[in-house]
Protein backbone atom coordinates (compact mmCIF):
# COMPACT_ATOMS: atom_id res chain seq x y z
CA MET A 1 0.09 0.09 0.05
CA HIS A 2 1.61 3.33 -0.95
CA GLY A 3 -0.07 6.68 0.54
CA HIS A 4 0.08 10.41 0.41
CA PHE A 5 -0.84 13.45 2.55
CA ARG A 6 -1.62 16.27 0.11
CA CYS A 7 -1.83 20.00 1.72
CA ALA A 8 -4.82 21.97 0.43
CA VAL A 9 -3.39 25.17 1.47
CA CYS A 10 0.34 24.95 -0.37
CA GLN A 11 -0.30 21.86 -2.53
CA ARG A 12 2.45 19.90 -1.07
CA MET A 13 2.49 16.17 -1.26
CA PHE A 14 4.43 13.90 1.38
CA CYS A 15 4.88 10.18 1.26
CA LEU A 16 2.82 8.40 4.40
CA GLU A 17 4.55 5.05 5.85
CA GLU A 18 2.47 2.25 5.23
CA ALA A 19 -0.01 1.54 8.04
CA ALA A 20 0.24 -2.10 8.97
CA GLY A 21 -3.10 -3.75 8.30
CA LEU A 22 -4.75 -1.03 6.32
CA ALA A 23 -4.60 -2.41 2.81
CA ARG A 24 -6.05 -5.65 4.31
CA VAL A 25 -8.85 -3.56 5.72
CA VAL A 26 -9.43 -1.85 2.76
CA LYS A 27 -9.45 -4.84 0.61
CA ALA A 28 -12.26 -6.69 3.04
CA MET A 29 -14.48 -3.83 2.18
CA LEU A 30 -14.54 -4.83 -1.72
CA PRO A 31 -17.91 -6.27 -2.68
CA GLU A 32 -17.94 -9.98 -3.01
CA GLY A 33 -16.37 -11.35 -6.13
CA PHE A 34 -14.00 -8.07 -6.57
CA SER A 35 -10.38 -8.69 -6.67
CA SER A 36 -7.78 -5.43 -5.76
CA ASP A 37 -4.03 -5.32 -7.16
CA SER A 38 -3.14 -2.35 -4.89
CA VAL A 39 -4.34 0.16 -2.51
CA GLU A 40 -3.50 3.59 -2.74
CA LEU A 41 -4.38 6.31 -0.26
CA THR A 42 -4.65 9.99 -0.15
CA VAL A 43 -5.22 12.09 2.79
CA SER A 44 -5.97 15.79 2.21
CA GLY A 45 -5.89 18.40 5.06
CA ARG A 46 -3.10 20.96 6.24
CA CYS A 47 0.32 20.22 6.75
CA GLY A 48 1.97 21.01 10.24
CA GLN A 49 3.56 24.43 8.65
CA CYS A 50 0.07 25.75 7.02
CA ALA A 51 -1.89 24.42 10.17
CA SER A 52 0.00 26.45 12.38
CA SER A 53 -0.32 29.68 10.30
CA VAL A 54 -2.14 32.69 11.79
CA PRO A 55 -5.90 32.43 10.92
CA GLY A 56 -6.64 34.78 8.19
CA VAL A 57 -2.99 35.46 7.03
CA PRO A 58 -1.93 33.01 4.27
CA PRO A 59 0.94 30.64 5.08
CA LEU A 60 4.69 31.57 3.60
CA PRO A 61 5.41 29.95 0.45
CA PRO A 62 6.93 26.14 0.75
CA SER A 63 10.20 25.76 1.11
CA PRO A 64 11.98 22.23 1.11
CA ASP A 65 13.64 22.83 4.37
CA THR A 66 10.38 22.95 6.12
CA ALA A 67 9.33 19.66 5.51
CA PRO A 68 7.77 18.04 8.84
CA ALA A 69 10.73 15.65 10.15
CA ASP A 70 8.83 12.37 9.78
CA LEU A 71 7.72 13.05 6.43
CA GLU A 72 9.50 13.76 3.25
CA PRO A 73 8.30 15.77 0.38
CA HIS A 74 6.72 13.48 -2.43
CA ALA A 75 9.65 13.23 -4.76
CA HIS A 76 8.92 9.61 -6.48
CA PRO A 77 7.22 9.24 -9.79
CA HIS A 78 4.31 7.20 -9.98
CA PRO A 79 3.37 4.84 -13.13
């Protein structure tokens, strides 16, 4: 399973670590007879930098140096 977090404010995309068992849970939700090859997840919201900005004041433009320590800005290609 591959997951992303997309900030709705600055539009940066971050890769998420795989949550143990999440792909299995999602696959179990498929209707009877359906089969999946992969599970992708995108969570939308505000990144740490944008979430901590002052209400009514737009956040600073994103910088590669401001990525949260546990998330890396999205940099890998997708087929």
